[in-house]
Amino acid sequence: MKTKSPMRVAINERRAYFECRWGQLHVRTAFPSTGGFDERTPLICLHDLASTSASFAGLVTAMATDRSIYAIDLLGHGESDAAPAKADVTTYADAVTDLISGLRLREVDVLGQGFGAAVAAEFAFLKDTVVRSLVLVDAPAGPVEPWPEWTPNETGEGLGDVFRAGRGRRGVHEPLRDYTQRFAEVLRAGSRVHLAGAALAQWPAAERWRQLRHRALAFDLGRRRPVVADLLPTGRSLDGLALTPEVFMANPADLAGRLRSFFDAPV
């Protein structure tokens, strides 16, 4: 007797703009073709400094078989409008709060990388009862140096120095292809990215992590123990499991499986 193979769930992927108090946020969304029945908690993805929601493209598709995914271009990045002058990390979290309120989501999980992890923490403080769980990738545990700045000129003088300075900061932590895409985003966004970098540089990382009371899972790419792990009062980390940048970027199905085991475990 033949056994029926499991039904394949079609993934609906869309790009849309949503209103926030400072303009519009560009969002990549994905959701299963199940009509909303039996879906898991929606997942919000927040990218790193000088990146965009495109960095989660593979993960969005892999995770959207049983839940709705919203990968957001943070203010001043990608296709979203700019943040106001003198914005702090909470400003970026406020924009995410506007999006969640507009979507009328009652409960969400959040994944944040780098700058996005800091925004995720502030979002959790703002929406305490809405945020269920956090995944923190390369979460900043202390002061972060601003991204190197370059003043445009006719000859491109100094651009190579800025490229090498930024690359030196990232080291072997990030594949060259991904760093190059990030560098291109820095040039495209200009001062908008530096505004976000300045906000992160002023963010009291250690203090805020110690105040976090949400269930959190942390890992740093290439490290066996995330730096932020010792600061989280209730969190746990993927300790002893070194995820390389290649695994994070190039094997979204594997990463999705690891994330599901955390998100879907009893709270």
Protein backbone atom coordinates (compact mmCIF):
# COMPACT_ATOMS: atom_id res chain seq x y z
CA MET A 1 0.00 0.00 0.00
CA LYS A 2 1.40 3.35 -1.01
CA THR A 3 1.91 5.96 1.65
CA LYS A 4 0.90 9.47 0.84
CA SER A 5 3.76 11.93 0.63
CA PRO A 6 3.26 15.04 2.78
CA MET A 7 1.52 17.89 1.02
CA ARG A 8 3.93 20.58 -0.10
CA VAL A 9 3.02 23.99 1.22
CA ALA A 10 3.24 26.79 -1.32
CA ILE A 11 5.01 29.89 -0.07
CA ASN A 12 3.58 33.29 -0.95
CA GLU A 13 6.28 35.97 -1.07
CA ARG A 14 5.49 39.65 -1.36
CA ARG A 15 7.16 43.04 -0.97
CA ALA A 16 5.13 45.87 0.49
CA TYR A 17 5.29 49.28 2.13
CA PHE A 18 3.77 50.02 5.51
CA GLU A 19 3.25 53.35 7.24
CA CYS A 20 5.16 54.38 10.35
CA ARG A 21 5.41 57.75 12.11
CA TRP A 22 8.47 58.72 9.99
CA GLY A 23 7.22 57.63 6.59
CA GLN A 24 7.19 54.18 5.04
CA LEU A 25 8.92 50.91 5.85
CA HIS A 26 9.74 48.49 3.06
CA VAL A 27 9.00 44.91 4.14
CA ARG A 28 9.59 41.50 2.56
CA THR A 29 6.81 39.16 3.63
CA ALA A 30 6.27 35.44 3.18
CA PHE A 31 3.46 33.20 4.40
CA PRO A 32 2.20 29.67 3.75
CA SER A 33 -0.77 28.93 1.52
CA THR A 34 -2.83 27.54 4.41
CA GLY A 35 -5.20 30.44 4.83
CA GLY A 36 -3.87 31.30 8.27
CA PHE A 37 -5.02 28.07 9.92
CA ASP A 38 -2.64 26.35 12.36
CA GLU A 39 0.13 28.85 11.72
CA ARG A 40 2.89 29.31 14.25
CA THR A 41 3.80 32.66 15.83
CA PRO A 42 4.82 35.22 13.15
CA LEU A 43 8.53 36.02 12.90
CA ILE A 44 9.99 39.52 12.55
CA CYS A 45 13.53 39.76 11.05
CA LEU A 46 15.70 42.83 11.67
CA HIS A 47 18.94 43.17 9.71
CA ASP A 48 22.38 44.45 10.67
CA LEU A 49 23.79 47.94 10.18
CA ALA A 50 24.35 48.85 6.52
CA SER A 51 22.39 45.83 5.34
CA THR A 52 18.80 45.26 4.20
CA SER A 53 15.97 42.77 4.51
CA ALA A 54 17.47 40.99 1.48
CA SER A 55 20.05 39.42 3.81
CA PHE A 56 17.21 37.20 5.12
CA ALA A 57 15.86 36.19 1.70
CA GLY A 58 16.70 32.49 1.97
CA LEU A 59 15.67 32.23 5.61
CA VAL A 60 12.35 33.95 4.95
CA THR A 61 11.43 31.28 2.39
CA ALA A 62 12.64 28.41 4.59
CA MET A 63 10.74 29.59 7.67
CA ALA A 64 7.48 30.52 5.91
CA THR A 65 6.20 26.95 5.56
CA ASP A 66 4.29 27.23 8.85
CA ARG A 67 4.27 30.92 9.87
CA SER A 68 4.20 34.42 8.45
CA ILE A 69 7.56 36.20 8.14
CA TYR A 70 8.19 39.93 8.00
CA ALA A 71 11.74 41.02 7.11
CA ILE A 72 11.96 44.79 7.51
CA ASP A 73 14.23 47.39 5.93
CA LEU A 74 14.99 49.45 9.03
CA LEU A 75 14.73 53.23 8.75
CA GLY A 76 17.42 54.66 6.49
CA HIS A 77 18.22 51.27 4.93
CA GLY A 78 17.14 49.65 1.68
CA GLU A 79 13.86 51.07 0.40
CA SER A 80 12.59 52.46 3.71
CA ASP A 81 12.39 56.17 4.48
CA ALA A 82 15.08 57.87 6.54
CA ALA A 83 15.12 58.14 10.31
CA PRO A 84 14.76 61.61 11.86
CA ALA A 85 17.87 63.57 12.79
CA LYS A 86 19.49 62.54 16.10
CA ALA A 87 17.64 59.22 16.12
CA ASP A 88 18.55 56.68 18.81
CA VAL A 89 18.03 52.91 18.76
CA THR A 90 14.57 53.34 20.27
CA THR A 91 13.60 55.47 17.26
CA TYR A 92 14.19 52.50 14.97
CA ALA A 93 12.26 50.25 17.37
CA ASP A 94 9.36 52.73 17.40
CA ALA A 95 9.03 52.30 13.63
CA VAL A 96 8.84 48.51 14.06
CA THR A 97 6.21 49.06 16.76
CA ASP A 98 4.12 51.10 14.32
CA LEU A 99 4.32 48.28 11.79
CA ILE A 100 3.24 45.61 14.29
CA SER A 101 0.38 47.77 15.51
CA GLY A 102 -0.74 48.39 11.94
CA LEU A 103 -0.70 44.66 11.21
CA ARG A 104 -2.58 44.00 14.47
CA LEU A 105 -0.24 41.19 15.44
CA ARG A 106 -0.92 40.05 19.00
CA GLU A 107 2.24 37.97 19.43
CA VAL A 108 5.55 37.77 17.54
CA ASP A 109 8.98 36.20 17.70
CA VAL A 110 11.91 38.39 16.66
CA LEU A 111 15.27 37.67 15.06
CA GLY A 112 17.80 40.50 15.05
CA GLN A 113 21.36 40.58 13.74
CA GLY A 114 23.94 43.12 14.94
CA PHE A 115 22.23 46.51 14.92
CA GLY A 116 18.95 44.63 14.37
CA ALA A 117 19.53 42.75 17.65
CA ALA A 118 19.74 46.06 19.52
CA VAL A 119 16.56 47.25 17.80
CA ALA A 120 14.92 43.92 18.70
CA ALA A 121 15.74 44.46 22.38
CA GLU A 122 14.27 47.97 22.40
CA PHE A 123 11.22 46.70 20.53
CA ALA A 124 10.79 44.02 23.23
CA PHE A 125 10.87 46.72 25.92
CA LEU A 126 8.26 48.74 24.02
CA LYS A 127 6.01 45.76 23.25
CA ASP A 128 6.66 43.61 26.30
CA THR A 129 3.52 41.49 26.07
CA VAL A 130 3.62 41.13 22.27
CA VAL A 131 7.18 39.78 21.97
CA ARG A 132 7.34 36.10 22.89
CA SER A 133 10.95 35.12 22.10
CA LEU A 134 14.12 36.68 20.69
CA VAL A 135 16.97 35.28 18.62
CA LEU A 136 20.06 37.49 18.79
CA VAL A 137 22.78 37.07 16.16
CA ASP A 138 26.10 38.89 16.76
CA ALA A 139 24.38 41.07 19.35
CA PRO A 140 26.56 44.03 20.38
CA ALA A 141 27.74 43.59 23.96
CA GLY A 142 29.62 46.88 24.28
CA PRO A 143 30.39 50.13 22.45
CA VAL A 144 30.44 49.76 18.65
CA GLU A 145 32.72 51.84 16.44
CA PRO A 146 30.90 53.89 13.81
CA TRP A 147 31.15 52.73 10.21
CA PRO A 148 34.08 54.51 8.45
CA GLU A 149 32.88 57.59 6.55
CA TRP A 150 33.88 58.70 3.06
CA THR A 151 33.33 62.11 1.49
CA PRO A 152 32.43 61.74 -2.21
CA ASN A 153 34.88 63.37 -4.63
CA GLU A 154 35.49 63.39 -8.39
CA THR A 155 38.39 60.91 -8.31
CA GLY A 156 37.09 58.49 -5.69
CA GLU A 157 40.13 59.24 -3.58
CA GLY A 158 40.05 57.53 -0.19
CA LEU A 159 37.27 55.09 -1.11
CA GLY A 160 39.64 52.13 -1.07
CA ASP A 161 40.87 53.12 2.38
CA VAL A 162 37.33 53.13 3.72
CA PHE A 163 36.63 49.75 2.09
CA ARG A 164 39.72 48.23 3.73
CA ALA A 165 38.97 49.86 7.09
CA GLY A 166 35.47 48.43 7.12
CA ARG A 167 36.72 45.05 5.98
CA GLY A 168 39.37 45.06 8.68
CA ARG A 169 36.70 45.65 11.30
CA ARG A 170 34.67 42.70 10.05
CA GLY A 171 37.74 40.47 9.53
CA VAL A 172 37.05 36.92 8.36
CA HIS A 173 33.76 37.15 10.19
CA GLU A 174 31.88 37.94 6.98
CA PRO A 175 32.35 36.48 3.46
CA LEU A 176 33.78 38.99 1.00
CA ARG A 177 30.69 38.82 -1.22
CA ASP A 178 28.41 39.74 1.69
CA TYR A 179 30.75 42.48 2.88
CA THR A 180 30.87 43.96 -0.63
CA GLN A 181 27.07 44.08 -0.76
CA ARG A 182 27.04 45.77 2.64
CA PHE A 183 29.66 48.29 1.48
CA ALA A 184 27.55 49.10 -1.57
CA GLU A 185 24.58 49.72 0.74
CA VAL A 186 26.73 52.12 2.80
CA LEU A 187 27.54 54.13 -0.34
CA ARG A 188 23.93 54.10 -1.52
CA ALA A 189 22.41 55.12 1.81
CA GLY A 190 25.18 57.57 2.72
CA SER A 191 24.55 59.59 5.87
CA ARG A 192 21.43 57.56 6.70
CA VAL A 193 23.60 54.55 7.55
CA HIS A 194 26.00 56.68 9.58
CA LEU A 195 23.02 58.01 11.56
CA ALA A 196 22.14 54.44 12.53
CA GLY A 197 25.77 53.71 13.37
CA ALA A 198 25.90 56.75 15.65
CA ALA A 199 22.73 55.57 17.38
CA LEU A 200 24.25 52.15 17.99
CA ALA A 201 27.49 53.68 19.27
CA GLN A 202 25.49 55.50 21.97
CA TRP A 203 23.35 52.51 22.93
CA PRO A 204 24.14 51.19 26.48
CA ALA A 205 24.39 47.57 25.36
CA ALA A 206 25.44 45.76 28.56
CA GLU A 207 22.88 47.63 30.66
CA ARG A 208 20.02 46.89 28.27
CA TRP A 209 20.83 43.20 27.92
CA ARG A 210 20.84 42.79 31.70
CA GLN A 211 17.35 44.33 31.82
CA LEU A 212 15.90 41.99 29.19
CA ARG A 213 13.36 39.52 30.63
CA HIS A 214 12.23 37.81 27.45
CA ARG A 215 13.23 34.31 26.47
CA ALA A 216 16.29 34.74 24.24
CA LEU A 217 18.58 32.57 22.18
CA ALA A 218 21.96 34.06 21.22
CA PHE A 219 24.77 33.04 18.93
CA ASP A 220 27.73 34.79 17.33
CA LEU A 221 28.82 33.65 13.90
CA GLY A 222 32.09 31.79 14.17
CA ARG A 223 32.20 31.77 18.00
CA ARG A 224 31.41 28.87 20.29
CA ARG A 225 29.95 31.15 22.93
CA PRO A 226 28.24 34.45 22.12
CA VAL A 227 29.64 37.48 23.89
CA VAL A 228 26.19 38.61 24.99
CA ALA A 229 25.30 35.26 26.62
CA ASP A 230 26.65 36.19 30.05
CA LEU A 231 24.61 39.41 30.08
CA LEU A 232 21.19 37.84 29.45
CA PRO A 233 19.44 37.12 32.75
CA THR A 234 16.95 34.60 31.38
CA GLY A 235 18.45 33.71 28.02
CA ARG A 236 20.28 30.73 26.72
CA SER A 237 22.73 30.43 23.87
CA LEU A 238 23.66 27.97 21.18
CA ASP A 239 26.67 27.17 23.33
CA GLY A 240 29.18 24.82 21.75
CA LEU A 241 27.56 25.19 18.33
CA ALA A 242 29.73 27.39 16.13
CA LEU A 243 27.64 28.62 13.21
CA THR A 244 29.90 29.97 10.49
CA PRO A 245 28.83 32.89 8.28
CA GLU A 246 28.59 30.42 5.40
CA VAL A 247 26.05 28.29 7.29
CA PHE A 248 24.03 31.33 8.30
CA MET A 249 23.90 32.80 4.81
CA ALA A 250 24.08 29.76 2.53
CA ASN A 251 22.18 27.03 4.39
CA PRO A 252 18.87 28.62 5.39
CA ALA A 253 17.05 25.27 5.64
CA ASP A 254 19.46 24.06 8.32
CA LEU A 255 19.26 27.35 10.18
CA ALA A 256 15.45 27.33 9.93
CA GLY A 257 15.40 23.91 11.58
CA ARG A 258 17.54 25.14 14.47
CA LEU A 259 15.38 28.22 14.94
CA ARG A 260 12.15 26.20 14.87
CA SER A 261 13.39 23.96 17.68
CA PHE A 262 13.78 27.08 19.81
CA PHE A 263 10.70 29.05 18.76
CA ASP A 264 8.34 26.08 18.92
CA ALA A 265 9.53 24.71 22.26
CA PRO A 266 7.11 25.26 25.18
CA VAL A 267 7.64 28.68 26.75
